[in-house]
Structures are given as structure tokens and as C-alpha cells.
Amino acid sequence: MDIDLLIIIVFLVTTLAIGLYCSRSVTTFKDYAVGSRNMSTWVITISLIATIYGGNFLHTQLTGYYYQGLYTLILSLGSPLRFYLASRFIIVRMQEWLGDFSIAESMGRLCGKSVQMLTAIFGIIVTIAKISAQFKISLIIIESIPFCNGTAYAKYCTVILGILVTIYTILGGARSIVLTDFYQFCFFSVCLPILTFTFLYHAQNPWINWKKFINMSQFNLSQIATWDISPTWDNSLAHLFTYFIWHSIFNFDPAQIQRFYMSSSIRQATKVFLKSGIIRIIFSLLFLVFIAALYTGGHSVPPKQKILDYIMQLSHFPGMKGLLITSVIALCISTVDAYLHIGSVLFANDIWPLITGTKERSDKYSLKVVRIASGLIGISTIFITLQMNNIRQFLNKVFYFYTPSVTVPMIMACFGFRPRSSAVLWSMGINAVLTVYHIFIKGQAIREHDVFLSLIYGASILLIIHYLLPKKSNTGWVGIPDDSPVKLQSQETKRWWLRRLYYF
């Protein structure tokens, strides 16, 4: 058997075995939704990072670092800053929602059942888009594998991959996805150092190539004015900082914030998001080192070619292609299972009870509903994948719906603003109508800065409607109910600075 194929098969079989093994302990809905909130900080942290790093991460990041250098590095540091700021100013203010099962339940606790259902619907739309995008990336990657003869065979492989992920997500829930994410991310983490060492080991004239590398404009801070800005933005350095600010805002992505609900305490949740930010900074630097090794190894990538596609053509050692393909697949399915899991939880916890009017649910009944929902979402996304063309545009349109309707009221609530339920409902409706008009009637292409602007529009609409309506008690800027974690964090920060001052 081909060694590349063997690596892929062993990885997938091991992933399925881990997922099925963890499913044995799932006996309640709480086990399925949040893993009973008894998992270690590092396991949840690695799972969060694996959820963020999708299959397209290698495609976009490697290419960005190669052609745009430090510009891409600066942009990639926006997301770690997002998690640091979230741990310092957002998560620490979410004590009142710690026992919830989803972001939709928290919104319902804040603004009522109607808002809860709408949030769940928007969240499921996000999950379907994210899963479909990852399956599409998997399809593209599988098409490049030598033993996949043609597009039709690659589609069958993608379907099998989707069924595999759906099976262990249906059975194991949170614990299965967290532990498989941990395994998948560790596999991916091994890939980068091996490939970096391989490029340096086979390098010819490494010192000459290194001097050429450090003198290139995209890797020289002194030539920042000559950098080429991403085609998504106008050629202005100001847009780089706008992009950076946008990526620094925590958007309450349903799968990412689910790691907050899996945490046992606010202290653990803040550690999860803080450590995630630190590890992502390390990986951003590792990507820069990887590209430096590619240049130092004397590799010259043809213009406009994806770096991942170029590396796929190399064969420095047996199994190199299999290792790289498996790393991409690992990133894909670690994102897919997280969004598949939260999508089913949103349906079973926040939509189905409201539709059926069921107030008291047995664990057996809830587990049955959530597993059926997981299977239906998994199957539907596979079919959507086969019809999808523009991945980036699809995701932008989905978050154009989600950001002004969910992110805005949750951020404001974390800082003590309690809007009226009717104000949130009206703002959700207006934002949805505007989004439908821009996308389906006007036919506008949605870019990332359009999503950023929707955040500003959403906040403005919510505030205007809130203050136009008659005043109501316990609404407006009333503060957060329990600010003890905020005070504790402030005390710890003060003691830390006093110790630094004392040592100085």
C-alpha cells in the first residue's frame, strides 16, 4: 500500500476510534452539550485552537506569508489579540451565563424566548456555512491526492469523510470532539517542524538564500510603505489597521464561545481564551519560520501558485505528501465536528423545546433529539458542499447576518447594557431585512470590511430603537449582575504590577 495513503487511513481510523471511545460516557444532555464541565483547561484550549484553524488556514496563511510576509504576520496577530481582549474584558463579565448550554440560551436569558430562537437560527446558519466550507476545502485537497482518479472519486471520499465526522459527533458530543480535536491538532503541530527541518536539510547555498530573504521588501519593516495590501482592501495602509481592529473584536462565534460554556468556572474560561491567544501568536511566528525555511532552501514558487499546492509536488521523503494532506484534513474535521456539535445543540436546546412547547425534558429524549439534529445537519452540509463555489463570499454573507444581530447585543450586555427585548427583536428584523436587500436583491458582494461596518450599524440601530421606545425599569446601562470576577481580576492585575515594580 502507498505510504501516503496509509498515513491518511491510520489517522482517520484513530480519529474515529477516539471519538467512539469517548461516546461511552455520554448519558445525559449535559454530557453531550458541554462535556459535564469537568475537562482540563489545556484540553479545552487546544480544542478551541483546532476549531479556529480550519482547512483553509494552510491555504491562505502559507500563501499570505510567502507573498506578503510581515503584512500577513501583522494581520494574523489580530485574532490572538481578540482572544486576549475577550479574556480580559468579555469572558470575565459573563458570570451570569456560566451554567447555560449555548449562546442562544444566554441571549434568551437576556432578551426572551423569541430572541433565543432567532439567535439559534442564525447560529445554525453559521454552523452550516462553516461545515460546508471545510468540506469544500477537503474536496479540493482530496482531488490533489494521486490515488483519487478524477473529481467524482474525490467527491465520494469527501462524503465518506463527512459521514465519519458525523458518526462520532452524533455519539460522543462535546467530549468526543474535544479529545479528537486535541489529537488532530497535535498531529498538525508535528507537521510544521518536520517540513521546516526538511527544507533546511536539503538546502543548497542556505546562507546566500537567507541574505536574499531578509532583504526582500515584504520581510523588511523599514520598507513597510512598499507592502502590497490585500486585494480585499483598497491600497491604503489605513485599511490594514481597520482590518486589524475588526479582527480584534470578539464576534461570539457559536462554536468558539461554546468553549466558555464547557468551562467549569470563569477563571478556567479566561485561562482558556488567554492561552489560546498566546499559542496562536506562537503559531503565527512558526509560520514565518516555515516560510523563511522555504526561501532558505532555495525554493522558487511560480507566481500566483498556492504554497500548499507547490509543497504537495515535493517529495523530499516518503510519506511527505501524506503527512501534509493529513494535516489539512485534520484541521478540516477539527472545525467540522465543533460546528456540527454546536449546531445540533442549538436546535435541541433552543429551537425544538420552543416549537413543541416542552418545558421539562428527560435526558433520554434530549439526547435523541440532539443526535438526530446532528445527523441531519451533517448530511445536509455534505450536499451543500457539492453545490458551493465561492467559499469566502459564502462565509462573509453568513456573518453579515450574524454579527449585527448577536455580537452587538452580547458585547453591550457584557459591559452592563440591558436592552429591551422588543428593541433587540426590532434590530434583528431590520438587520435581516437590510442583509437580504444587499445580498439577494441588490446582488452586492460582501467583503470583510462590510461585515465590520454591519457591527457599527447594528449597534446604532439597537441604541436608537431602545431609546425611542418608552423607558422600562432594569433596562439601559444598569451594570452586570455579578462583577466579582472583574474585581478579582483587577486585584490580581494590580498585585502583578506591584510585584514587577518591587523587583525592578
Protein backbone atom coordinates (compact mmCIF):
# COMPACT_ATOMS: atom_id res chain seq x y z
CA MET A 1 0.00 0.00 0.00
CA ASP A 2 1.17 3.55 -0.76
CA ILE A 3 2.67 5.11 2.39
CA ASP A 4 0.82 8.41 1.83
CA LEU A 5 -2.50 6.56 1.69
CA LEU A 6 -1.52 4.52 4.76
CA ILE A 7 -0.85 7.66 6.82
CA ILE A 8 -4.27 9.10 5.90
CA ILE A 9 -6.13 5.85 6.67
CA VAL A 10 -4.38 5.33 10.03
CA PHE A 11 -5.14 8.92 11.02
CA LEU A 12 -8.85 8.64 10.15
CA VAL A 13 -9.25 5.26 11.86
CA THR A 14 -7.56 6.58 15.00
CA THR A 15 -9.79 9.66 15.00
CA LEU A 16 -12.92 7.52 14.73
CA ALA A 17 -11.67 5.18 17.48
CA ILE A 18 -11.04 8.10 19.88
CA GLY A 19 -14.45 9.60 19.12
CA LEU A 20 -16.29 6.31 19.65
CA TYR A 21 -14.35 5.54 22.83
CA CYS A 22 -15.37 8.88 24.37
CA SER A 23 -19.02 8.31 23.46
CA ARG A 24 -19.34 5.63 26.12
CA SER A 25 -19.55 8.22 28.91
CA VAL A 26 -22.33 10.28 27.26
CA THR A 27 -25.53 9.53 29.17
CA THR A 28 -27.10 12.98 29.65
CA PHE A 29 -27.73 16.05 27.52
CA LYS A 30 -25.24 17.93 29.71
CA ASP A 31 -22.57 15.35 28.80
CA TYR A 32 -23.32 15.87 25.12
CA ALA A 33 -23.56 19.66 25.13
CA VAL A 34 -20.75 20.73 27.49
CA GLY A 35 -18.95 17.53 28.50
CA SER A 36 -20.26 17.87 32.08
CA ARG A 37 -17.87 20.82 32.51
CA ASN A 38 -15.12 18.68 34.04
CA MET A 39 -12.46 18.79 31.31
CA SER A 40 -8.97 20.20 31.80
CA THR A 41 -8.04 23.73 30.75
CA TRP A 42 -5.42 22.60 28.25
CA VAL A 43 -7.77 20.14 26.51
CA ILE A 44 -10.42 22.85 26.04
CA THR A 45 -7.74 25.33 24.92
CA ILE A 46 -6.33 23.03 22.24
CA SER A 47 -9.87 22.23 21.10
CA LEU A 48 -10.60 25.95 20.72
CA ILE A 49 -7.47 26.50 18.63
CA ALA A 50 -8.25 23.46 16.46
CA THR A 51 -11.76 24.83 15.90
CA ILE A 52 -10.36 28.17 14.71
CA TYR A 53 -7.70 26.70 12.40
CA GLY A 54 -9.79 25.29 9.56
CA GLY A 55 -8.55 23.51 6.47
CA ASN A 56 -8.32 26.74 4.51
CA PHE A 57 -5.87 28.03 7.12
CA LEU A 58 -2.88 26.36 5.45
CA HIS A 59 -4.06 27.51 2.03
CA THR A 60 -4.42 31.17 2.97
CA GLN A 61 -1.75 31.58 5.65
CA LEU A 62 1.12 29.89 3.83
CA THR A 63 0.38 31.80 0.64
CA GLY A 64 -0.05 35.06 2.53
CA TYR A 65 3.23 34.70 4.41
CA TYR A 66 5.13 33.82 1.24
CA TYR A 67 3.91 36.70 -0.93
CA GLN A 68 3.09 39.39 1.69
CA GLY A 69 5.42 38.48 4.52
CA LEU A 70 5.22 40.65 7.64
CA TYR A 71 1.97 42.21 6.44
CA THR A 72 0.27 38.82 6.86
CA LEU A 73 2.01 38.37 10.22
CA ILE A 74 0.53 41.64 11.49
CA LEU A 75 -2.92 40.63 10.29
CA SER A 76 -2.63 37.20 11.87
CA LEU A 77 -1.86 38.83 15.24
CA GLY A 78 -5.30 40.45 15.21
CA SER A 79 -7.05 37.20 16.16
CA PRO A 80 -4.77 36.41 19.14
CA LEU A 81 -5.41 39.95 20.35
CA ARG A 82 -9.14 39.20 20.02
CA PHE A 83 -8.84 36.31 22.47
CA TYR A 84 -6.68 38.26 24.88
CA LEU A 85 -9.16 41.13 24.93
CA ALA A 86 -12.02 38.64 25.27
CA SER A 87 -10.38 37.01 28.30
CA ARG A 88 -9.75 40.41 29.93
CA PHE A 89 -12.98 42.27 29.18
CA ILE A 90 -15.66 39.88 27.86
CA ILE A 91 -15.43 36.41 29.40
CA VAL A 92 -14.77 37.78 32.87
CA ARG A 93 -18.12 39.61 32.70
CA MET A 94 -20.18 36.54 31.72
CA GLN A 95 -20.68 35.02 35.16
CA GLU A 96 -24.49 35.09 34.85
CA TRP A 97 -24.42 32.83 31.77
CA LEU A 98 -21.91 30.27 33.01
CA GLY A 99 -24.47 27.48 33.50
CA ASP A 100 -26.08 27.83 30.05
CA PHE A 101 -25.67 25.34 27.22
CA SER A 102 -25.33 27.76 24.26
CA ILE A 103 -25.05 31.37 23.14
CA ALA A 104 -28.74 31.27 22.16
CA GLU A 105 -29.78 30.31 25.70
CA SER A 106 -27.76 33.25 27.04
CA MET A 107 -29.46 35.59 24.58
CA GLY A 108 -32.81 34.15 25.66
CA ARG A 109 -31.99 34.77 29.29
CA LEU A 110 -31.13 38.34 28.33
CA CYS A 111 -33.94 39.19 25.89
CA GLY A 112 -36.60 36.47 25.92
CA LYS A 113 -37.58 33.28 24.10
CA SER A 114 -38.15 34.86 20.69
CA VAL A 115 -34.63 36.27 20.65
CA GLN A 116 -33.35 32.88 21.82
CA MET A 117 -34.93 31.12 18.84
CA LEU A 118 -33.71 33.72 16.33
CA THR A 119 -30.18 33.52 17.74
CA ALA A 120 -30.28 29.73 17.42
CA ILE A 121 -31.46 30.00 13.80
CA PHE A 122 -28.69 32.47 12.94
CA GLY A 123 -26.20 30.24 14.76
CA ILE A 124 -27.26 27.15 12.82
CA ILE A 125 -26.87 29.08 9.56
CA VAL A 126 -23.32 29.94 10.64
CA THR A 127 -22.56 26.32 11.51
CA ILE A 128 -23.87 25.02 8.18
CA ALA A 129 -21.75 27.57 6.30
CA LYS A 130 -18.62 26.73 8.30
CA ILE A 131 -19.06 22.97 7.89
CA SER A 132 -19.75 23.27 4.16
CA ALA A 133 -16.67 25.45 3.70
CA GLN A 134 -14.47 22.87 5.43
CA PHE A 135 -15.90 20.01 3.38
CA LYS A 136 -15.22 22.07 0.25
CA ILE A 137 -11.59 22.54 1.30
CA SER A 138 -11.36 18.79 1.93
CA LEU A 139 -12.76 18.12 -1.56
CA ILE A 140 -10.15 20.39 -3.13
CA ILE A 141 -7.35 18.71 -1.18
CA ILE A 142 -8.54 15.17 -1.90
CA GLU A 143 -8.62 15.97 -5.62
CA SER A 144 -4.86 16.52 -5.45
CA ILE A 145 -4.17 13.06 -3.99
CA PRO A 146 -2.63 10.71 -6.60
CA PHE A 147 -4.94 7.77 -5.84
CA CYS A 148 -8.08 9.93 -6.35
CA ASN A 149 -8.70 9.49 -10.07
CA GLY A 150 -10.89 12.39 -11.03
CA THR A 151 -13.39 14.67 -9.39
CA ALA A 152 -16.09 12.02 -8.97
CA TYR A 153 -13.87 9.78 -6.81
CA ALA A 154 -12.79 12.78 -4.71
CA LYS A 155 -16.46 13.58 -4.02
CA TYR A 156 -17.03 10.05 -2.73
CA CYS A 157 -14.02 10.42 -0.42
CA THR A 158 -15.41 13.73 0.89
CA VAL A 159 -18.78 12.10 1.57
CA ILE A 160 -17.05 9.28 3.49
CA LEU A 161 -15.05 11.85 5.48
CA GLY A 162 -18.26 13.74 6.29
CA ILE A 163 -20.00 10.56 7.44
CA LEU A 164 -17.03 9.64 9.65
CA VAL A 165 -17.09 13.02 11.44
CA THR A 166 -20.87 12.93 11.75
CA ILE A 167 -20.82 9.46 13.34
CA TYR A 168 -18.51 10.25 16.24
CA THR A 169 -20.11 13.68 16.76
CA ILE A 170 -23.57 12.10 16.94
CA LEU A 171 -22.46 9.56 19.52
CA GLY A 172 -19.84 11.38 21.58
CA GLY A 173 -20.81 15.05 21.68
CA ALA A 174 -18.55 17.54 23.44
CA ARG A 175 -16.10 15.07 24.94
CA SER A 176 -15.52 13.30 21.62
CA ILE A 177 -14.92 16.49 19.67
CA VAL A 178 -12.63 17.97 22.32
CA LEU A 179 -10.38 14.90 22.55
CA THR A 180 -10.34 14.26 18.80
CA ASP A 181 -9.51 17.96 18.30
CA PHE A 182 -6.63 17.55 20.73
CA TYR A 183 -5.30 14.57 18.76
CA GLN A 184 -5.82 16.25 15.39
CA PHE A 185 -4.12 19.48 16.43
CA CYS A 186 -1.14 17.60 17.87
CA PHE A 187 -0.77 15.81 14.53
CA PHE A 188 -0.84 19.14 12.69
CA SER A 189 1.68 20.63 15.16
CA VAL A 190 4.16 17.88 14.33
CA CYS A 191 3.88 18.53 10.60
CA LEU A 192 5.29 22.08 10.58
CA PRO A 193 8.60 21.34 12.37
CA ILE A 194 9.19 18.25 10.22
CA LEU A 195 8.69 20.18 6.97
CA THR A 196 10.76 23.13 8.23
CA PHE A 197 13.67 20.84 9.10
CA THR A 198 13.31 19.06 5.71
CA PHE A 199 13.62 22.33 3.75
CA LEU A 200 16.73 23.36 5.70
CA TYR A 201 18.28 19.89 5.45
CA HIS A 202 18.01 19.84 1.64
CA ALA A 203 19.04 23.49 1.21
CA GLN A 204 21.82 24.42 -1.19
CA ASN A 205 23.66 27.70 -0.54
CA PRO A 206 21.49 28.41 2.52
CA TRP A 207 23.49 31.49 3.62
CA ILE A 208 23.10 33.21 0.23
CA ASN A 209 19.39 32.36 0.15
CA TRP A 210 18.98 33.69 3.70
CA LYS A 211 20.52 37.06 2.84
CA LYS A 212 18.20 37.33 -0.15
CA PHE A 213 15.26 36.52 2.12
CA ILE A 214 15.94 39.20 4.76
CA ASN A 215 16.44 41.84 2.05
CA MET A 216 13.04 41.22 0.44
CA SER A 217 10.66 44.16 0.90
CA GLN A 218 7.79 42.10 2.34
CA PHE A 219 10.05 40.84 5.14
CA ASN A 220 11.63 44.21 5.96
CA LEU A 221 9.89 46.52 8.42
CA SER A 222 11.84 49.52 7.14
CA GLN A 223 10.05 49.13 3.79
CA ILE A 224 6.55 48.99 5.25
CA ALA A 225 5.29 51.69 2.85
CA THR A 226 6.00 49.42 -0.14
CA TRP A 227 3.96 46.46 1.05
CA ASP A 228 1.15 45.28 -1.20
CA ILE A 229 -2.16 45.47 0.58
CA SER A 230 -4.61 42.57 0.29
CA PRO A 231 -6.87 42.81 -2.78
CA THR A 232 -9.87 42.69 -0.45
CA TRP A 233 -8.98 46.23 0.63
CA ASP A 234 -8.05 49.46 -1.12
CA ASN A 235 -4.35 50.25 -1.44
CA SER A 236 -4.08 52.24 1.76
CA LEU A 237 -2.15 51.44 4.92
CA ALA A 238 -5.12 52.78 6.91
CA HIS A 239 -7.14 49.77 5.80
CA LEU A 240 -4.54 47.47 7.33
CA PHE A 241 -5.24 48.97 10.74
CA THR A 242 -9.02 48.87 10.10
CA TYR A 243 -8.70 45.19 9.27
CA PHE A 244 -6.61 44.68 12.41
CA ILE A 245 -9.22 46.40 14.58
CA TRP A 246 -12.03 44.30 13.06
CA HIS A 247 -10.18 41.06 13.80
CA SER A 248 -9.59 42.23 17.36
CA ILE A 249 -13.33 42.25 18.09
CA PHE A 250 -14.74 39.10 19.66
CA ASN A 251 -17.71 38.13 17.49
CA PHE A 252 -19.28 35.43 19.71
CA ASP A 253 -18.88 32.77 17.06
CA PRO A 254 -21.21 29.95 18.26
CA ALA A 255 -18.56 27.19 18.21
CA GLN A 256 -15.81 29.31 19.78
CA ILE A 257 -17.94 30.69 22.62
CA GLN A 258 -19.14 27.14 23.31
CA ARG A 259 -15.73 26.58 24.96
CA PHE A 260 -16.84 29.12 27.55
CA TYR A 261 -19.91 27.01 28.34
CA MET A 262 -17.70 23.90 28.62
CA SER A 263 -15.61 25.57 31.32
CA SER A 264 -16.29 24.88 34.99
CA SER A 265 -15.67 28.45 36.15
CA ILE A 266 -14.97 31.97 34.93
CA ARG A 267 -11.36 31.52 35.98
CA GLN A 268 -10.95 28.45 33.77
CA ALA A 269 -12.73 30.14 30.85
CA THR A 270 -10.46 33.20 30.99
CA LYS A 271 -7.41 30.91 31.07
CA VAL A 272 -8.72 29.02 28.02
CA PHE A 273 -9.09 32.16 25.91
CA LEU A 274 -5.86 33.74 27.18
CA LYS A 275 -3.78 30.62 26.47
CA SER A 276 -5.44 30.28 23.06
CA GLY A 277 -4.27 33.77 22.16
CA ILE A 278 -0.71 33.06 23.31
CA ILE A 279 -0.49 29.78 21.40
CA ARG A 280 -1.84 31.43 18.26
CA ILE A 281 0.93 34.05 18.46
CA ILE A 282 3.48 31.23 18.66
CA PHE A 283 1.96 29.54 15.62
CA SER A 284 1.99 32.81 13.67
CA LEU A 285 5.72 33.06 14.30
CA LEU A 286 6.18 29.38 13.38
CA PHE A 287 4.54 30.05 10.03
CA LEU A 288 7.02 32.86 9.42
CA VAL A 289 9.88 30.48 10.31
CA PHE A 290 8.41 27.89 7.94
CA ILE A 291 8.35 30.36 5.04
CA ALA A 292 11.88 31.50 5.92
CA ALA A 293 12.99 27.86 5.68
CA LEU A 294 11.26 27.57 2.29
CA TYR A 295 13.18 30.60 0.98
CA THR A 296 16.42 29.47 2.61
CA GLY A 297 16.02 26.06 0.99
CA GLY A 298 16.19 27.78 -2.41
CA HIS A 299 12.62 27.07 -3.43
CA SER A 300 11.10 29.39 -6.01
CA VAL A 301 7.33 29.18 -6.20
CA PRO A 302 5.77 30.13 -9.56
CA PRO A 303 3.78 33.40 -9.46
CA LYS A 304 0.19 33.14 -8.15
CA GLN A 305 0.60 29.47 -7.21
CA LYS A 306 -0.69 28.39 -3.79
CA ILE A 307 2.17 27.45 -1.49
CA LEU A 308 0.34 24.36 -0.30
CA ASP A 309 -0.07 23.17 -3.91
CA TYR A 310 3.64 23.73 -4.51
CA ILE A 311 4.68 21.76 -1.42
CA MET A 312 2.34 18.94 -2.46
CA GLN A 313 4.52 18.45 -5.55
CA LEU A 314 7.69 17.94 -3.49
CA SER A 315 8.87 14.52 -2.37
CA HIS A 316 11.87 15.01 -0.08
CA PHE A 317 11.00 11.87 1.93
CA PRO A 318 8.44 9.02 1.67
CA GLY A 319 5.12 9.97 3.19
CA MET A 320 5.70 13.73 2.96
CA LYS A 321 2.60 14.29 0.85
CA GLY A 322 0.53 12.02 3.08
CA LEU A 323 1.67 13.92 6.18
CA LEU A 324 0.73 17.26 4.63
CA ILE A 325 -2.63 16.07 3.30
CA THR A 326 -3.47 14.50 6.65
CA SER A 327 -2.62 17.76 8.44
CA VAL A 328 -5.06 19.66 6.22
CA ILE A 329 -7.74 17.02 6.74
CA ALA A 330 -7.10 17.17 10.50
CA LEU A 331 -7.71 20.92 10.50
CA CYS A 332 -10.85 20.46 8.41
CA ILE A 333 -12.53 17.85 10.56
CA SER A 334 -11.49 19.51 13.84
CA THR A 335 -13.51 22.53 12.69
CA VAL A 336 -16.35 20.47 11.23
CA ASP A 337 -17.04 18.44 14.39
CA ALA A 338 -17.08 21.58 16.58
CA TYR A 339 -19.65 23.36 14.39
CA LEU A 340 -21.67 20.19 13.85
CA HIS A 341 -21.83 19.75 17.61
CA ILE A 342 -22.95 23.30 18.40
CA GLY A 343 -25.44 23.28 15.52
CA SER A 344 -27.21 20.25 16.97
CA VAL A 345 -27.10 21.72 20.50
CA LEU A 346 -28.68 24.97 19.26
CA PHE A 347 -31.52 23.03 17.66
CA ALA A 348 -32.16 20.62 20.55
CA ASN A 349 -31.75 23.16 23.34
CA ASP A 350 -33.08 26.41 21.85
CA ILE A 351 -35.43 25.65 18.94
CA TRP A 352 -37.10 22.27 19.45
CA PRO A 353 -38.39 22.93 23.02
CA LEU A 354 -39.88 26.26 21.91
CA ILE A 355 -41.52 24.70 18.85
CA THR A 356 -43.02 21.77 20.76
CA GLY A 357 -43.75 23.71 23.96
CA THR A 358 -41.84 21.16 26.01
CA LYS A 359 -40.70 22.61 29.32
CA GLU A 360 -39.37 19.55 31.10
CA ARG A 361 -37.17 17.22 29.08
CA SER A 362 -35.75 13.85 30.02
CA ASP A 363 -32.10 13.22 29.22
CA LYS A 364 -33.03 10.29 27.01
CA TYR A 365 -35.42 12.43 24.96
CA SER A 366 -32.96 15.35 24.67
CA LEU A 367 -30.12 13.05 23.62
CA LYS A 368 -32.32 11.53 20.92
CA VAL A 369 -33.28 14.97 19.55
CA VAL A 370 -29.73 16.35 19.58
CA ARG A 371 -28.31 13.27 17.85
CA ILE A 372 -30.97 13.32 15.14
CA ALA A 373 -30.27 17.03 14.61
CA SER A 374 -26.53 16.34 14.36
CA GLY A 375 -27.10 13.69 11.71
CA LEU A 376 -29.44 15.88 9.65
CA ILE A 377 -27.06 18.87 9.75
CA GLY A 378 -24.11 16.66 8.79
CA ILE A 379 -25.91 15.13 5.81
CA SER A 380 -27.34 18.44 4.57
CA THR A 381 -23.96 20.17 4.65
CA ILE A 382 -22.44 17.44 2.50
CA PHE A 383 -24.98 18.16 -0.23
CA ILE A 384 -24.46 21.93 0.13
CA THR A 385 -20.73 21.39 -0.29
CA LEU A 386 -21.16 19.82 -3.71
CA GLN A 387 -23.03 22.97 -4.88
CA MET A 388 -20.74 25.60 -3.31
CA ASN A 389 -18.45 27.76 -5.45
CA ASN A 390 -17.10 30.81 -3.59
CA ILE A 391 -16.19 29.82 -0.02
CA ARG A 392 -15.07 33.22 1.23
CA GLN A 393 -18.11 35.03 -0.15
CA PHE A 394 -20.43 32.41 1.36
CA LEU A 395 -18.92 32.88 4.85
CA ASN A 396 -18.96 36.67 4.61
CA LYS A 397 -22.65 36.67 3.74
CA VAL A 398 -23.47 34.41 6.67
CA PHE A 399 -21.61 36.56 9.21
CA TYR A 400 -23.23 39.63 7.66
CA PHE A 401 -26.45 38.15 9.09
CA TYR A 402 -25.00 37.01 12.41
CA THR A 403 -22.73 39.85 13.56
CA PRO A 404 -25.17 42.78 13.97
CA SER A 405 -27.91 40.56 15.43
CA VAL A 406 -25.96 38.54 18.03
CA THR A 407 -22.49 40.01 18.54
CA VAL A 408 -23.70 43.56 19.19
CA PRO A 409 -26.23 42.88 22.00
CA MET A 410 -23.94 40.35 23.71
CA ILE A 411 -20.93 42.69 23.79
CA MET A 412 -23.10 45.51 25.09
CA ALA A 413 -24.63 43.22 27.72
CA CYS A 414 -21.16 42.24 28.94
CA PHE A 415 -20.47 45.91 29.65
CA GLY A 416 -23.72 46.44 31.53
CA PHE A 417 -26.25 47.45 28.86
CA ARG A 418 -29.59 45.64 29.15
CA PRO A 419 -31.70 46.39 26.05
CA ARG A 420 -35.42 45.89 25.89
CA SER A 421 -36.43 42.60 24.30
CA SER A 422 -38.58 44.41 21.74
CA ALA A 423 -35.60 46.61 20.80
CA VAL A 424 -33.44 43.55 20.14
CA LEU A 425 -36.20 41.92 18.10
CA TRP A 426 -36.70 45.05 16.01
CA SER A 427 -32.97 45.45 15.44
CA MET A 428 -32.66 41.78 14.43
CA GLY A 429 -35.53 42.22 11.97
CA ILE A 430 -34.12 45.43 10.47
CA ASN A 431 -30.63 43.92 10.16
CA ALA A 432 -32.05 40.81 8.49
CA VAL A 433 -34.07 42.88 6.00
CA LEU A 434 -31.06 45.06 5.15
CA THR A 435 -28.91 41.96 4.70
CA VAL A 436 -31.46 40.29 2.41
CA TYR A 437 -31.69 43.50 0.38
CA HIS A 438 -27.91 43.84 -0.05
CA ILE A 439 -27.28 40.16 -0.85
CA PHE A 440 -30.33 38.89 -2.75
CA ILE A 441 -31.93 41.99 -4.26
CA LYS A 442 -29.01 44.31 -4.85
CA GLY A 443 -26.62 41.40 -5.50
CA GLN A 444 -23.81 43.03 -3.55
CA ALA A 445 -20.58 41.13 -2.93
CA ILE A 446 -19.95 41.11 0.83
CA ARG A 447 -16.40 41.83 1.91
CA GLU A 448 -14.87 41.62 5.37
CA HIS A 449 -15.00 45.34 5.96
CA ASP A 450 -18.73 45.23 5.09
CA VAL A 451 -19.14 42.77 7.98
CA PHE A 452 -17.17 45.18 10.18
CA LEU A 453 -19.45 48.06 9.18
CA SER A 454 -22.50 45.92 9.95
CA LEU A 455 -21.26 45.77 13.53
CA ILE A 456 -21.39 49.57 13.74
CA TYR A 457 -24.77 49.74 12.00
CA GLY A 458 -26.18 47.07 14.29
CA ALA A 459 -25.08 48.91 17.45
CA SER A 460 -26.53 52.18 16.16
CA ILE A 461 -29.88 50.60 15.24
CA LEU A 462 -30.16 48.86 18.62
CA LEU A 463 -29.41 52.02 20.61
CA ILE A 464 -31.76 54.19 18.56
CA ILE A 465 -34.68 51.77 18.90
CA HIS A 466 -34.01 51.23 22.60
CA TYR A 467 -34.12 54.94 23.40
CA LEU A 468 -37.06 55.66 21.09
CA LEU A 469 -39.23 53.18 22.99
CA PRO A 470 -40.74 54.17 26.36
CA LYS A 471 -38.43 53.71 29.33
CA LYS A 472 -38.64 50.45 31.25
CA SER A 473 -37.15 49.51 34.61
CA ASN A 474 -33.98 47.43 34.72
CA THR A 475 -33.03 48.33 31.13
CA GLY A 476 -30.29 50.56 29.77
CA TRP A 477 -26.87 50.89 31.37
CA VAL A 478 -27.63 49.06 34.62
CA GLY A 479 -24.31 47.21 35.04
CA ILE A 480 -23.63 43.48 35.23
CA PRO A 481 -25.35 41.44 37.97
CA ASP A 482 -22.18 39.80 39.34
CA ASP A 483 -18.94 41.75 38.94
CA SER A 484 -16.91 39.72 41.47
CA PRO A 485 -14.77 38.06 38.75
CA VAL A 486 -13.97 41.53 37.34
CA LYS A 487 -12.93 42.81 40.76
CA LEU A 488 -10.84 39.69 41.39
CA GLN A 489 -9.09 40.09 38.05
CA SER A 490 -8.36 43.75 38.78
CA GLN A 491 -6.85 42.83 42.15
CA GLU A 492 -4.67 40.13 40.59
CA THR A 493 -3.51 42.54 37.88
CA LYS A 494 -2.67 45.18 40.50
CA ARG A 495 -0.67 42.67 42.58
CA TRP A 496 1.17 41.53 39.44
CA TRP A 497 2.24 45.10 38.59
CA LEU A 498 3.26 45.76 42.21
CA ARG A 499 5.48 42.66 42.17
CA ARG A 500 7.08 43.77 38.89
CA LEU A 501 7.66 47.23 40.36
CA TYR A 502 9.16 45.73 43.52
CA TYR A 503 11.55 43.51 41.53
CA PHE A 504 12.51 46.47 39.36
